[in-house]
Amino acid sequence: MEKWNQSYGFLLGKVLQRMETKFAEGLVPYHINARQYGVLLFINGNPYSSQKDISENLQIDRTTMVSHIDYLETLGFVERTRNPNDRRSYSLMITSKGKDLLDSRWEFLNDIELEVLAPLNNQERQLLKDFLIKIWTTL
């Protein structure tokens, strides 16, 4: 094995790339990308968030966030309502159509995860998850 194939970053990157590619393929029929799916997940978990809140939490610049929300609203996945405390901002809610999308694609994402992790037994999967959580929480 070449040296670059032994790098943790390289190997993690390749696994992530494979999972992202498969997930992106599963989003094509819904006309959204993985970033927009992430925005929907955030809104679902944080109802009535403002575009600014989502932008800051997901580290997406404000102009791009406005485009994402406009697009997701056009598709009927989110709805905007005026924030009663600040007329300059909107509160965002996921629609039932958006919730259905999240649910169906979450199952699909789990199937991809199982496929990618198939070479590992249950104990190895749990160890990997524990290690990744430990690393992630320190970043």
N, C-alpha and C. Protein backbone atom coordinates (compact mmCIF):
# COMPACT_ATOMS: atom_id res chain seq x y z
N MET A 1 0.85 -1.17 0.00
CA MET A 1 0.00 0.00 0.00
C MET A 1 0.90 1.24 0.00
N GLU A 2 0.55 2.20 -0.84
CA GLU A 2 1.32 3.43 -0.89
C GLU A 2 1.08 4.26 0.36
N LYS A 3 2.06 5.16 0.66
CA LYS A 3 1.96 5.96 1.87
C LYS A 3 0.66 6.75 1.95
N TRP A 4 0.24 7.39 0.86
CA TRP A 4 -0.96 8.22 0.91
C TRP A 4 -2.21 7.38 1.17
N ASN A 5 -2.18 6.11 0.86
CA ASN A 5 -3.33 5.23 1.14
C ASN A 5 -3.41 4.88 2.63
N GLN A 6 -2.36 5.17 3.38
CA GLN A 6 -2.34 4.85 4.81
C GLN A 6 -2.77 6.05 5.67
N SER A 7 -3.01 7.17 5.06
CA SER A 7 -3.41 8.38 5.79
C SER A 7 -4.86 8.26 6.25
N TYR A 8 -5.10 8.56 7.54
CA TYR A 8 -6.47 8.54 8.06
C TYR A 8 -7.36 9.50 7.28
N GLY A 9 -6.83 10.69 7.03
CA GLY A 9 -7.61 11.69 6.30
C GLY A 9 -8.01 11.21 4.92
N PHE A 10 -7.07 10.59 4.23
CA PHE A 10 -7.36 10.07 2.90
C PHE A 10 -8.43 9.00 2.96
N LEU A 11 -8.26 8.05 3.88
CA LEU A 11 -9.21 6.94 3.98
C LEU A 11 -10.60 7.40 4.42
N LEU A 12 -10.67 8.27 5.44
CA LEU A 12 -11.96 8.80 5.87
C LEU A 12 -12.61 9.60 4.74
N GLY A 13 -11.80 10.35 4.03
CA GLY A 13 -12.31 11.13 2.89
C GLY A 13 -12.90 10.25 1.81
N LYS A 14 -12.26 9.15 1.51
CA LYS A 14 -12.76 8.23 0.48
C LYS A 14 -14.08 7.58 0.91
N VAL A 15 -14.17 7.18 2.17
CA VAL A 15 -15.42 6.60 2.67
C VAL A 15 -16.54 7.64 2.60
N LEU A 16 -16.25 8.86 3.06
CA LEU A 16 -17.23 9.94 3.03
C LEU A 16 -17.65 10.25 1.59
N GLN A 17 -16.68 10.30 0.69
CA GLN A 17 -16.97 10.59 -0.72
C GLN A 17 -17.93 9.54 -1.30
N ARG A 18 -17.70 8.29 -0.98
CA ARG A 18 -18.56 7.21 -1.48
C ARG A 18 -19.97 7.35 -0.93
N MET A 19 -20.08 7.63 0.36
CA MET A 19 -21.40 7.79 0.97
C MET A 19 -22.12 9.01 0.40
N GLU A 20 -21.42 10.12 0.25
CA GLU A 20 -22.03 11.34 -0.29
C GLU A 20 -22.52 11.14 -1.72
N THR A 21 -21.73 10.45 -2.52
CA THR A 21 -22.11 10.20 -3.91
C THR A 21 -23.40 9.37 -3.97
N LYS A 22 -23.45 8.31 -3.19
CA LYS A 22 -24.65 7.47 -3.16
C LYS A 22 -25.86 8.26 -2.65
N PHE A 23 -25.66 9.07 -1.62
CA PHE A 23 -26.76 9.84 -1.06
C PHE A 23 -27.25 10.88 -2.07
N ALA A 24 -26.32 11.54 -2.74
CA ALA A 24 -26.69 12.54 -3.75
C ALA A 24 -27.54 11.91 -4.85
N GLU A 25 -27.19 10.70 -5.24
CA GLU A 25 -27.97 9.99 -6.26
C GLU A 25 -29.41 9.76 -5.79
N GLY A 26 -29.58 9.49 -4.51
CA GLY A 26 -30.90 9.26 -3.95
C GLY A 26 -31.73 10.53 -3.78
N LEU A 27 -31.08 11.69 -3.85
CA LEU A 27 -31.80 12.96 -3.73
C LEU A 27 -32.23 13.52 -5.09
N VAL A 28 -31.65 13.00 -6.16
CA VAL A 28 -31.95 13.52 -7.51
C VAL A 28 -33.45 13.56 -7.81
N PRO A 29 -34.21 12.50 -7.52
CA PRO A 29 -35.64 12.56 -7.83
C PRO A 29 -36.40 13.67 -7.09
N TYR A 30 -35.83 14.17 -6.01
CA TYR A 30 -36.47 15.21 -5.21
C TYR A 30 -35.97 16.60 -5.57
N HIS A 31 -35.01 16.66 -6.48
CA HIS A 31 -34.47 17.93 -7.00
C HIS A 31 -33.79 18.77 -5.93
N ILE A 32 -33.16 18.10 -4.95
CA ILE A 32 -32.39 18.83 -3.95
C ILE A 32 -31.01 18.17 -3.82
N ASN A 33 -30.10 18.89 -3.17
CA ASN A 33 -28.77 18.34 -2.93
C ASN A 33 -28.59 18.06 -1.43
N ALA A 34 -27.45 17.51 -1.08
CA ALA A 34 -27.20 17.12 0.32
C ALA A 34 -27.20 18.33 1.25
N ARG A 35 -26.72 19.45 0.79
CA ARG A 35 -26.70 20.65 1.64
C ARG A 35 -28.13 21.09 1.94
N GLN A 36 -29.00 21.05 0.94
CA GLN A 36 -30.39 21.43 1.14
C GLN A 36 -31.10 20.43 2.06
N TYR A 37 -30.74 19.16 1.95
CA TYR A 37 -31.27 18.16 2.87
C TYR A 37 -30.85 18.51 4.30
N GLY A 38 -29.60 18.92 4.47
CA GLY A 38 -29.10 19.33 5.78
C GLY A 38 -29.86 20.53 6.33
N VAL A 39 -30.21 21.46 5.46
CA VAL A 39 -31.00 22.62 5.89
C VAL A 39 -32.37 22.14 6.38
N LEU A 40 -32.99 21.22 5.64
CA LEU A 40 -34.28 20.68 6.07
C LEU A 40 -34.17 19.97 7.42
N LEU A 41 -33.10 19.20 7.59
CA LEU A 41 -32.89 18.53 8.89
C LEU A 41 -32.78 19.54 10.02
N PHE A 42 -32.04 20.61 9.77
CA PHE A 42 -31.88 21.63 10.81
C PHE A 42 -33.22 22.28 11.15
N ILE A 43 -33.99 22.64 10.13
CA ILE A 43 -35.29 23.28 10.37
C ILE A 43 -36.22 22.33 11.11
N ASN A 44 -36.18 21.06 10.74
CA ASN A 44 -37.03 20.07 11.41
C ASN A 44 -36.67 19.97 12.90
N GLY A 45 -35.40 20.01 13.21
CA GLY A 45 -34.95 19.91 14.60
C GLY A 45 -35.00 21.21 15.36
N ASN A 46 -35.13 22.32 14.64
CA ASN A 46 -35.13 23.65 15.25
C ASN A 46 -36.23 24.50 14.62
N PRO A 47 -37.48 24.13 14.84
CA PRO A 47 -38.58 24.88 14.22
C PRO A 47 -38.57 26.35 14.60
N TYR A 48 -39.03 27.16 13.69
CA TYR A 48 -39.12 28.62 13.85
C TYR A 48 -37.76 29.30 13.85
N SER A 49 -36.73 28.60 13.38
CA SER A 49 -35.42 29.24 13.25
C SER A 49 -35.47 30.30 12.15
N SER A 50 -34.60 31.27 12.27
CA SER A 50 -34.47 32.28 11.21
C SER A 50 -33.43 31.79 10.21
N GLN A 51 -33.44 32.39 9.04
CA GLN A 51 -32.42 32.06 8.04
C GLN A 51 -31.03 32.37 8.59
N LYS A 52 -30.93 33.43 9.37
CA LYS A 52 -29.65 33.80 9.97
C LYS A 52 -29.16 32.70 10.91
N ASP A 53 -30.05 32.19 11.76
CA ASP A 53 -29.68 31.11 12.68
C ASP A 53 -29.18 29.88 11.93
N ILE A 54 -29.91 29.52 10.90
CA ILE A 54 -29.54 28.33 10.12
C ILE A 54 -28.20 28.56 9.45
N SER A 55 -28.05 29.73 8.86
CA SER A 55 -26.82 30.09 8.17
C SER A 55 -25.61 29.99 9.11
N GLU A 56 -25.75 30.52 10.30
CA GLU A 56 -24.65 30.49 11.27
C GLU A 56 -24.35 29.07 11.75
N ASN A 57 -25.39 28.31 12.05
CA ASN A 57 -25.20 26.96 12.56
C ASN A 57 -24.64 26.00 11.53
N LEU A 58 -25.06 26.15 10.28
CA LEU A 58 -24.59 25.24 9.23
C LEU A 58 -23.40 25.81 8.45
N GLN A 59 -22.99 27.01 8.83
CA GLN A 59 -21.85 27.67 8.18
C GLN A 59 -22.06 27.80 6.67
N ILE A 60 -23.23 28.34 6.34
CA ILE A 60 -23.57 28.63 4.94
C ILE A 60 -23.74 30.14 4.86
N ASP A 61 -23.10 30.78 3.87
CA ASP A 61 -23.21 32.24 3.80
C ASP A 61 -24.66 32.64 3.56
N ARG A 62 -25.00 33.84 4.01
CA ARG A 62 -26.40 34.30 4.02
C ARG A 62 -27.03 34.33 2.63
N THR A 63 -26.29 34.77 1.63
CA THR A 63 -26.84 34.85 0.28
C THR A 63 -27.20 33.46 -0.23
N THR A 64 -26.33 32.50 -0.01
CA THR A 64 -26.60 31.12 -0.41
C THR A 64 -27.78 30.57 0.37
N MET A 65 -27.86 30.91 1.65
CA MET A 65 -28.97 30.42 2.48
C MET A 65 -30.30 30.94 1.95
N VAL A 66 -30.36 32.20 1.58
CA VAL A 66 -31.60 32.76 1.01
C VAL A 66 -32.00 31.97 -0.23
N SER A 67 -31.03 31.67 -1.08
CA SER A 67 -31.32 30.89 -2.30
C SER A 67 -31.85 29.50 -1.95
N HIS A 68 -31.22 28.85 -0.98
CA HIS A 68 -31.67 27.52 -0.56
C HIS A 68 -33.12 27.58 -0.05
N ILE A 69 -33.40 28.55 0.81
CA ILE A 69 -34.74 28.64 1.39
C ILE A 69 -35.77 28.98 0.31
N ASP A 70 -35.43 29.90 -0.58
CA ASP A 70 -36.34 30.22 -1.69
C ASP A 70 -36.67 28.96 -2.48
N TYR A 71 -35.65 28.20 -2.79
CA TYR A 71 -35.82 26.99 -3.59
C TYR A 71 -36.64 25.93 -2.83
N LEU A 72 -36.30 25.69 -1.57
CA LEU A 72 -37.03 24.71 -0.77
C LEU A 72 -38.49 25.13 -0.57
N GLU A 73 -38.72 26.42 -0.48
CA GLU A 73 -40.09 26.91 -0.36
C GLU A 73 -40.86 26.69 -1.67
N THR A 74 -40.21 26.93 -2.79
CA THR A 74 -40.82 26.70 -4.10
C THR A 74 -41.23 25.24 -4.26
N LEU A 75 -40.41 24.33 -3.75
CA LEU A 75 -40.71 22.90 -3.84
C LEU A 75 -41.76 22.45 -2.82
N GLY A 76 -42.10 23.33 -1.90
CA GLY A 76 -43.12 23.01 -0.89
C GLY A 76 -42.58 22.27 0.31
N PHE A 77 -41.26 22.33 0.55
CA PHE A 77 -40.66 21.61 1.68
C PHE A 77 -40.59 22.46 2.95
N VAL A 78 -40.57 23.79 2.80
CA VAL A 78 -40.55 24.68 3.96
C VAL A 78 -41.54 25.82 3.73
N GLU A 79 -41.92 26.45 4.82
CA GLU A 79 -42.72 27.66 4.70
C GLU A 79 -42.15 28.72 5.62
N ARG A 80 -42.27 29.95 5.15
CA ARG A 80 -41.76 31.11 5.89
C ARG A 80 -42.94 31.88 6.48
N THR A 81 -42.76 32.32 7.69
CA THR A 81 -43.74 33.24 8.29
C THR A 81 -42.97 34.39 8.91
N ARG A 82 -43.58 35.54 8.91
CA ARG A 82 -42.94 36.72 9.52
C ARG A 82 -42.71 36.47 11.00
N ASN A 83 -41.54 36.84 11.44
CA ASN A 83 -41.22 36.75 12.86
C ASN A 83 -41.95 37.89 13.57
N PRO A 84 -42.86 37.58 14.50
CA PRO A 84 -43.63 38.65 15.15
C PRO A 84 -42.75 39.59 15.99
N ASN A 85 -41.57 39.14 16.38
CA ASN A 85 -40.67 39.97 17.18
C ASN A 85 -39.71 40.80 16.35
N ASP A 86 -39.57 40.45 15.06
CA ASP A 86 -38.65 41.17 14.17
C ASP A 86 -39.19 41.08 12.75
N ARG A 87 -39.86 42.12 12.30
CA ARG A 87 -40.52 42.09 11.00
C ARG A 87 -39.54 41.95 9.83
N ARG A 88 -38.25 42.12 10.11
CA ARG A 88 -37.26 41.98 9.04
C ARG A 88 -36.85 40.53 8.81
N SER A 89 -37.22 39.64 9.71
CA SER A 89 -36.80 38.25 9.56
C SER A 89 -38.01 37.32 9.48
N TYR A 90 -37.74 36.12 9.02
CA TYR A 90 -38.76 35.10 8.88
C TYR A 90 -38.45 33.92 9.79
N SER A 91 -39.50 33.28 10.26
CA SER A 91 -39.37 32.01 10.97
C SER A 91 -39.66 30.91 9.96
N LEU A 92 -38.91 29.83 10.06
CA LEU A 92 -39.06 28.75 9.08
C LEU A 92 -39.59 27.49 9.74
N MET A 93 -40.49 26.85 9.03
CA MET A 93 -41.08 25.58 9.47
C MET A 93 -41.01 24.60 8.31
N ILE A 94 -40.83 23.34 8.65
CA ILE A 94 -40.86 22.30 7.64
C ILE A 94 -42.33 21.94 7.38
N THR A 95 -42.67 21.66 6.14
CA THR A 95 -44.03 21.26 5.79
C THR A 95 -44.16 19.74 5.91
N SER A 96 -45.37 19.24 5.80
CA SER A 96 -45.55 17.78 5.84
C SER A 96 -44.85 17.13 4.65
N LYS A 97 -44.83 17.81 3.51
CA LYS A 97 -44.11 17.29 2.34
C LYS A 97 -42.61 17.22 2.64
N GLY A 98 -42.08 18.24 3.30
CA GLY A 98 -40.67 18.25 3.69
C GLY A 98 -40.36 17.16 4.70
N LYS A 99 -41.27 16.94 5.64
CA LYS A 99 -41.09 15.89 6.65
C LYS A 99 -41.10 14.51 5.99
N ASP A 100 -41.99 14.31 5.02
CA ASP A 100 -42.03 13.03 4.29
C ASP A 100 -40.71 12.79 3.56
N LEU A 101 -40.18 13.84 2.96
CA LEU A 101 -38.88 13.73 2.27
C LEU A 101 -37.79 13.34 3.26
N LEU A 102 -37.74 14.03 4.40
CA LEU A 102 -36.72 13.72 5.41
C LEU A 102 -36.82 12.27 5.85
N ASP A 103 -38.03 11.82 6.13
CA ASP A 103 -38.22 10.45 6.60
C ASP A 103 -37.79 9.42 5.57
N SER A 104 -38.20 9.60 4.33
CA SER A 104 -37.86 8.60 3.30
C SER A 104 -36.36 8.60 3.00
N ARG A 105 -35.76 9.77 2.96
CA ARG A 105 -34.33 9.82 2.64
C ARG A 105 -33.48 9.44 3.84
N TRP A 106 -34.00 9.59 5.07
CA TRP A 106 -33.27 9.15 6.26
C TRP A 106 -33.10 7.64 6.22
N GLU A 107 -34.16 6.94 5.84
CA GLU A 107 -34.08 5.48 5.69
C GLU A 107 -33.05 5.12 4.62
N PHE A 108 -33.09 5.85 3.52
CA PHE A 108 -32.14 5.63 2.44
C PHE A 108 -30.71 5.85 2.92
N LEU A 109 -30.48 6.92 3.68
CA LEU A 109 -29.15 7.22 4.22
C LEU A 109 -28.70 6.10 5.15
N ASN A 110 -29.59 5.59 5.97
CA ASN A 110 -29.25 4.48 6.84
C ASN A 110 -28.89 3.23 6.05
N ASP A 111 -29.59 3.00 4.95
CA ASP A 111 -29.27 1.86 4.08
C ASP A 111 -27.87 2.00 3.49
N ILE A 112 -27.51 3.21 3.10
CA ILE A 112 -26.16 3.46 2.57
C ILE A 112 -25.12 3.19 3.65
N GLU A 113 -25.41 3.68 4.84
CA GLU A 113 -24.49 3.46 5.96
C GLU A 113 -24.28 1.97 6.21
N LEU A 114 -25.36 1.21 6.21
CA LEU A 114 -25.25 -0.24 6.42
C LEU A 114 -24.44 -0.89 5.31
N GLU A 115 -24.65 -0.44 4.09
CA GLU A 115 -23.90 -0.99 2.95
C GLU A 115 -22.41 -0.70 3.07
N VAL A 116 -22.08 0.55 3.40
CA VAL A 116 -20.68 0.95 3.50
C VAL A 116 -20.00 0.25 4.69
N LEU A 117 -20.73 0.07 5.77
CA LEU A 117 -20.16 -0.55 6.97
C LEU A 117 -20.32 -2.07 7.00
N ALA A 118 -20.83 -2.66 5.94
CA ALA A 118 -21.08 -4.10 5.89
C ALA A 118 -19.86 -4.95 6.26
N PRO A 119 -18.64 -4.54 5.91
CA PRO A 119 -17.48 -5.37 6.28
C PRO A 119 -17.22 -5.45 7.79
N LEU A 120 -17.86 -4.56 8.57
CA LEU A 120 -17.64 -4.52 10.01
C LEU A 120 -18.75 -5.28 10.74
N ASN A 121 -18.38 -5.94 11.82
CA ASN A 121 -19.41 -6.57 12.65
C ASN A 121 -20.02 -5.50 13.56
N ASN A 122 -21.04 -5.85 14.33
CA ASN A 122 -21.74 -4.87 15.18
C ASN A 122 -20.82 -4.21 16.19
N GLN A 123 -19.93 -4.98 16.79
CA GLN A 123 -19.00 -4.42 17.77
C GLN A 123 -18.05 -3.42 17.10
N GLU A 124 -17.55 -3.75 15.92
CA GLU A 124 -16.65 -2.85 15.20
C GLU A 124 -17.38 -1.57 14.77
N ARG A 125 -18.64 -1.70 14.36
CA ARG A 125 -19.44 -0.52 13.99
C ARG A 125 -19.61 0.40 15.19
N GLN A 126 -19.90 -0.17 16.33
CA GLN A 126 -20.09 0.64 17.53
C GLN A 126 -18.79 1.33 17.94
N LEU A 127 -17.68 0.62 17.84
CA LEU A 127 -16.38 1.22 18.14
C LEU A 127 -16.08 2.39 17.20
N LEU A 128 -16.32 2.17 15.92
CA LEU A 128 -16.10 3.23 14.94
C LEU A 128 -16.96 4.44 15.28
N LYS A 129 -18.22 4.22 15.57
CA LYS A 129 -19.12 5.31 15.93
C LYS A 129 -18.62 6.04 17.18
N ASP A 130 -18.22 5.29 18.19
CA ASP A 130 -17.71 5.89 19.42
C ASP A 130 -16.47 6.74 19.15
N PHE A 131 -15.57 6.23 18.32
CA PHE A 131 -14.36 6.97 17.99
C PHE A 131 -14.69 8.25 17.22
N LEU A 132 -15.58 8.15 16.26
CA LEU A 132 -15.95 9.31 15.45
C LEU A 132 -16.63 10.38 16.31
N ILE A 133 -17.50 9.94 17.21
CA ILE A 133 -18.16 10.91 18.12
C ILE A 133 -17.12 11.58 19.01
N LYS A 134 -16.18 10.82 19.50
CA LYS A 134 -15.13 11.37 20.37
C LYS A 134 -14.32 12.43 19.61
N ILE A 135 -13.97 12.14 18.38
CA ILE A 135 -13.21 13.09 17.57
C ILE A 135 -14.06 14.32 17.27
N TRP A 136 -15.30 14.10 16.83
CA TRP A 136 -16.19 15.19 16.44
C TRP A 136 -16.45 16.15 17.59
N THR A 137 -16.65 15.63 18.79
CA THR A 137 -16.97 16.50 19.92
C THR A 137 -15.79 17.35 20.38
N THR A 138 -14.61 17.05 19.91
CA THR A 138 -13.44 17.85 20.28
C THR A 138 -13.05 18.84 19.18
N LEU A 139 -13.74 18.82 18.09
CA LEU A 139 -13.42 19.76 16.99
C LEU A 139 -14.00 21.13 17.23
